[in-house]
Amino acid sequence: MDAKSTIAALAALAQPTRLQTFRLLVAHEPEGIPAGELARLIGVPQNTMSAHLSTLSQAGLVTGERQSRSIIYRADLNQFRAVALYLLKDCCGGNVSLCQPLIEDLACCTPTPSLTRPN
């Protein structure tokens, strides 16, 4: 990941409909959503959704796969992870304690093994 790619990804997400689209695609991983369904769910015309998906795709945040007459879009979570890591690396100038609150906030997103209680 480099600065140019990171800026492109952030610029693509810096628009309400595109951010909403990306979040919806993340929520529907790994099956994805057809472009027409995305437009319907978000409430925009299909040609508008197509333009937004093109921007997200050029930024590497979504991929499209043709299935019959539809294109199924999916969030590219590896690219999103690379953007986040690019932003976080050396964010604290080597002072890990400055990033600790962020790490703790992110920990709530990771699944934890279920604890079994003794009978």
C-alpha atoms as a PDB file:
ATOM      1  CA  MET A   1       0.000   0.000   0.000  1.00  0.00           C
ATOM      2  CA  ASP A   2       1.251   3.482  -0.791  1.00  0.00           C
ATOM      3  CA  ALA A   3       0.078   7.053  -0.217  1.00  0.00           C
ATOM      4  CA  LYS A   4      -1.518   7.378  -3.672  1.00  0.00           C
ATOM      5  CA  SER A   5      -3.648   4.230  -3.260  1.00  0.00           C
ATOM      6  CA  THR A   6      -4.645   5.217   0.270  1.00  0.00           C
ATOM      7  CA  ILE A   7      -5.707   8.687  -0.857  1.00  0.00           C
ATOM      8  CA  ALA A   8      -7.780   7.172  -3.686  1.00  0.00           C
ATOM      9  CA  ALA A   9      -9.541   4.825  -1.257  1.00  0.00           C
ATOM     10  CA  LEU A  10     -10.243   7.581   1.263  1.00  0.00           C
ATOM     11  CA  ALA A  11     -11.506   9.891  -1.489  1.00  0.00           C
ATOM     12  CA  ALA A  12     -13.839   7.159  -2.750  1.00  0.00           C
ATOM     13  CA  LEU A  13     -15.283   6.707   0.744  1.00  0.00           C
ATOM     14  CA  ALA A  14     -15.574  10.463   1.350  1.00  0.00           C
ATOM     15  CA  GLN A  15     -19.048  10.610  -0.207  1.00  0.00           C
ATOM     16  CA  PRO A  16     -22.197   9.517   1.661  1.00  0.00           C
ATOM     17  CA  THR A  17     -23.662   7.156  -0.959  1.00  0.00           C
ATOM     18  CA  ARG A  18     -20.340   5.440  -1.615  1.00  0.00           C
ATOM     19  CA  LEU A  19     -19.650   5.032   2.098  1.00  0.00           C
ATOM     20  CA  GLN A  20     -23.150   3.606   2.604  1.00  0.00           C
ATOM     21  CA  THR A  21     -22.628   1.270  -0.366  1.00  0.00           C
ATOM     22  CA  PHE A  22     -19.304   0.029   0.957  1.00  0.00           C
ATOM     23  CA  ARG A  23     -20.723  -0.569   4.430  1.00  0.00           C
ATOM     24  CA  LEU A  24     -23.659  -2.483   2.936  1.00  0.00           C
ATOM     25  CA  LEU A  25     -21.302  -4.640   0.892  1.00  0.00           C
ATOM     26  CA  VAL A  26     -19.193  -5.382   3.968  1.00  0.00           C
ATOM     27  CA  ALA A  27     -22.348  -6.440   5.818  1.00  0.00           C
ATOM     28  CA  HIS A  28     -23.169  -8.859   2.989  1.00  0.00           C
ATOM     29  CA  GLU A  29     -19.801 -10.547   2.748  1.00  0.00           C
ATOM     30  CA  PRO A  30     -18.978 -13.002   1.276  1.00  0.00           C
ATOM     31  CA  GLU A  31     -22.065 -13.435  -0.928  1.00  0.00           C
ATOM     32  CA  GLY A  32     -22.134  -9.872  -2.302  1.00  0.00           C
ATOM     33  CA  ILE A  33     -25.051  -7.952  -3.772  1.00  0.00           C
ATOM     34  CA  PRO A  34     -26.141  -7.403  -7.384  1.00  0.00           C
ATOM     35  CA  ALA A  35     -25.755  -3.819  -8.614  1.00  0.00           C
ATOM     36  CA  GLY A  36     -29.499  -3.358  -9.164  1.00  0.00           C
ATOM     37  CA  GLU A  37     -30.260  -4.549  -5.650  1.00  0.00           C
ATOM     38  CA  LEU A  38     -27.665  -2.145  -4.232  1.00  0.00           C
ATOM     39  CA  ALA A  39     -29.364   0.734  -6.035  1.00  0.00           C
ATOM     40  CA  ARG A  40     -32.750  -0.340  -4.696  1.00  0.00           C
ATOM     41  CA  LEU A  41     -31.544  -0.792  -1.116  1.00  0.00           C
ATOM     42  CA  ILE A  42     -29.847   2.598  -1.041  1.00  0.00           C
ATOM     43  CA  GLY A  43     -32.559   4.364  -3.009  1.00  0.00           C
ATOM     44  CA  VAL A  44     -30.596   5.751  -5.932  1.00  0.00           C
ATOM     45  CA  PRO A  45     -31.072   5.317  -9.693  1.00  0.00           C
ATOM     46  CA  GLN A  46     -29.148   2.423 -11.222  1.00  0.00           C
ATOM     47  CA  ASN A  47     -26.991   4.697 -13.383  1.00  0.00           C
ATOM     48  CA  THR A  48     -26.011   6.690 -10.278  1.00  0.00           C
ATOM     49  CA  MET A  49     -25.130   3.478  -8.434  1.00  0.00           C
ATOM     50  CA  SER A  50     -23.081   2.379 -11.419  1.00  0.00           C
ATOM     51  CA  ALA A  51     -21.008   5.564 -11.227  1.00  0.00           C
ATOM     52  CA  HIS A  52     -20.473   5.102  -7.482  1.00  0.00           C
ATOM     53  CA  LEU A  53     -19.477   1.456  -7.923  1.00  0.00           C
ATOM     54  CA  SER A  54     -17.032   2.481 -10.638  1.00  0.00           C
ATOM     55  CA  THR A  55     -15.358   4.943  -8.263  1.00  0.00           C
ATOM     56  CA  LEU A  56     -15.162   2.338  -5.482  1.00  0.00           C
ATOM     57  CA  SER A  57     -13.835  -0.238  -7.932  1.00  0.00           C
ATOM     58  CA  GLN A  58     -11.151   2.102  -9.292  1.00  0.00           C
ATOM     59  CA  ALA A  59     -10.046   2.695  -5.693  1.00  0.00           C
ATOM     60  CA  GLY A  60      -9.774  -1.078  -5.226  1.00  0.00           C
ATOM     61  CA  LEU A  61     -12.437  -1.235  -2.522  1.00  0.00           C
ATOM     62  CA  VAL A  62     -14.987  -3.348  -4.398  1.00  0.00           C
ATOM     63  CA  THR A  63     -14.888  -6.060  -7.013  1.00  0.00           C
ATOM     64  CA  GLY A  64     -17.555  -7.066  -9.478  1.00  0.00           C
ATOM     65  CA  GLU A  65     -18.196 -10.511 -10.891  1.00  0.00           C
ATOM     66  CA  ARG A  66     -20.566 -11.123 -13.782  1.00  0.00           C
ATOM     67  CA  GLN A  67     -23.114 -13.828 -13.089  1.00  0.00           C
ATOM     68  CA  SER A  68     -25.469 -14.283 -16.009  1.00  0.00           C
ATOM     69  CA  ARG A  69     -27.046 -10.862 -16.608  1.00  0.00           C
ATOM     70  CA  SER A  70     -26.035  -9.381 -13.252  1.00  0.00           C
ATOM     71  CA  ILE A  71     -22.832  -8.121 -11.747  1.00  0.00           C
ATOM     72  CA  ILE A  72     -22.383  -9.180  -8.134  1.00  0.00           C
ATOM     73  CA  TYR A  73     -20.362  -6.677  -6.120  1.00  0.00           C
ATOM     74  CA  ARG A  74     -18.299  -7.520  -3.063  1.00  0.00           C
ATOM     75  CA  ALA A  75     -16.212  -5.440  -0.698  1.00  0.00           C
ATOM     76  CA  ASP A  76     -12.485  -6.062  -1.073  1.00  0.00           C
ATOM     77  CA  LEU A  77     -11.689  -6.490   2.600  1.00  0.00           C
ATOM     78  CA  ASN A  78      -8.006  -7.135   1.929  1.00  0.00           C
ATOM     79  CA  GLN A  79      -7.680  -3.733   0.258  1.00  0.00           C
ATOM     80  CA  PHE A  80      -9.607  -2.049   3.072  1.00  0.00           C
ATOM     81  CA  ARG A  81      -7.355  -3.756   5.618  1.00  0.00           C
ATOM     82  CA  ALA A  82      -4.294  -2.498   3.704  1.00  0.00           C
ATOM     83  CA  VAL A  83      -5.646   1.066   3.807  1.00  0.00           C
ATOM     84  CA  ALA A  84      -6.292   0.855   7.548  1.00  0.00           C
ATOM     85  CA  LEU A  85      -2.855  -0.623   8.214  1.00  0.00           C
ATOM     86  CA  TYR A  86      -1.192   2.053   6.091  1.00  0.00           C
ATOM     87  CA  LEU A  87      -2.873   4.709   8.208  1.00  0.00           C
ATOM     88  CA  LEU A  88      -2.005   2.998  11.484  1.00  0.00           C
ATOM     89  CA  LYS A  89       1.611   2.046  10.863  1.00  0.00           C
ATOM     90  CA  ASP A  90       3.897   4.442  12.636  1.00  0.00           C
ATOM     91  CA  CYS A  91       0.857   6.533  13.579  1.00  0.00           C
ATOM     92  CA  CYS A  92       2.209   6.932  17.059  1.00  0.00           C
ATOM     93  CA  GLY A  93       5.849   7.574  16.246  1.00  0.00           C
ATOM     94  CA  GLY A  94       6.813   4.291  17.815  1.00  0.00           C
ATOM     95  CA  ASN A  95       5.022   5.041  21.089  1.00  0.00           C
ATOM     96  CA  VAL A  96       2.749   2.011  21.402  1.00  0.00           C
ATOM     97  CA  SER A  97       0.927   3.439  24.415  1.00  0.00           C
ATOM     98  CA  LEU A  98      -0.533   6.197  22.223  1.00  0.00           C
ATOM     99  CA  CYS A  99      -2.201   3.594  19.989  1.00  0.00           C
ATOM    100  CA  GLN A 100      -3.365   1.363  22.857  1.00  0.00           C
ATOM    101  CA  PRO A 101      -6.856   2.977  23.113  1.00  0.00           C
ATOM    102  CA  LEU A 102      -7.407   2.342  19.393  1.00  0.00           C
ATOM    103  CA  ILE A 103      -6.266  -1.258  19.733  1.00  0.00           C
ATOM    104  CA  GLU A 104      -8.663  -1.734  22.644  1.00  0.00           C
ATOM    105  CA  ASP A 105     -11.530  -0.229  20.612  1.00  0.00           C
ATOM    106  CA  LEU A 106     -10.785  -2.616  17.743  1.00  0.00           C
ATOM    107  CA  ALA A 107     -10.665  -5.598  20.086  1.00  0.00           C
ATOM    108  CA  CYS A 108     -14.443  -5.379  20.508  1.00  0.00           C
ATOM    109  CA  CYS A 109     -14.784  -6.280  16.827  1.00  0.00           C
ATOM    110  CA  THR A 110     -12.973  -9.590  17.077  1.00  0.00           C
ATOM    111  CA  PRO A 111     -14.907 -12.691  18.020  1.00  0.00           C
ATOM    112  CA  THR A 112     -13.897 -14.255  21.284  1.00  0.00           C
ATOM    113  CA  PRO A 113     -14.174 -17.962  22.017  1.00  0.00           C
ATOM    114  CA  SER A 114     -17.242 -18.785  24.025  1.00  0.00           C
ATOM    115  CA  LEU A 115     -16.545 -19.515  27.636  1.00  0.00           C
ATOM    116  CA  THR A 116     -17.932 -22.717  28.998  1.00  0.00           C
ATOM    117  CA  ARG A 117     -19.288 -22.705  32.510  1.00  0.00           C
ATOM    118  CA  PRO A 118     -18.770 -25.661  34.799  1.00  0.00           C
ATOM    119  CA  ASN A 119     -21.932 -27.598  35.609  1.00  0.00           C
END
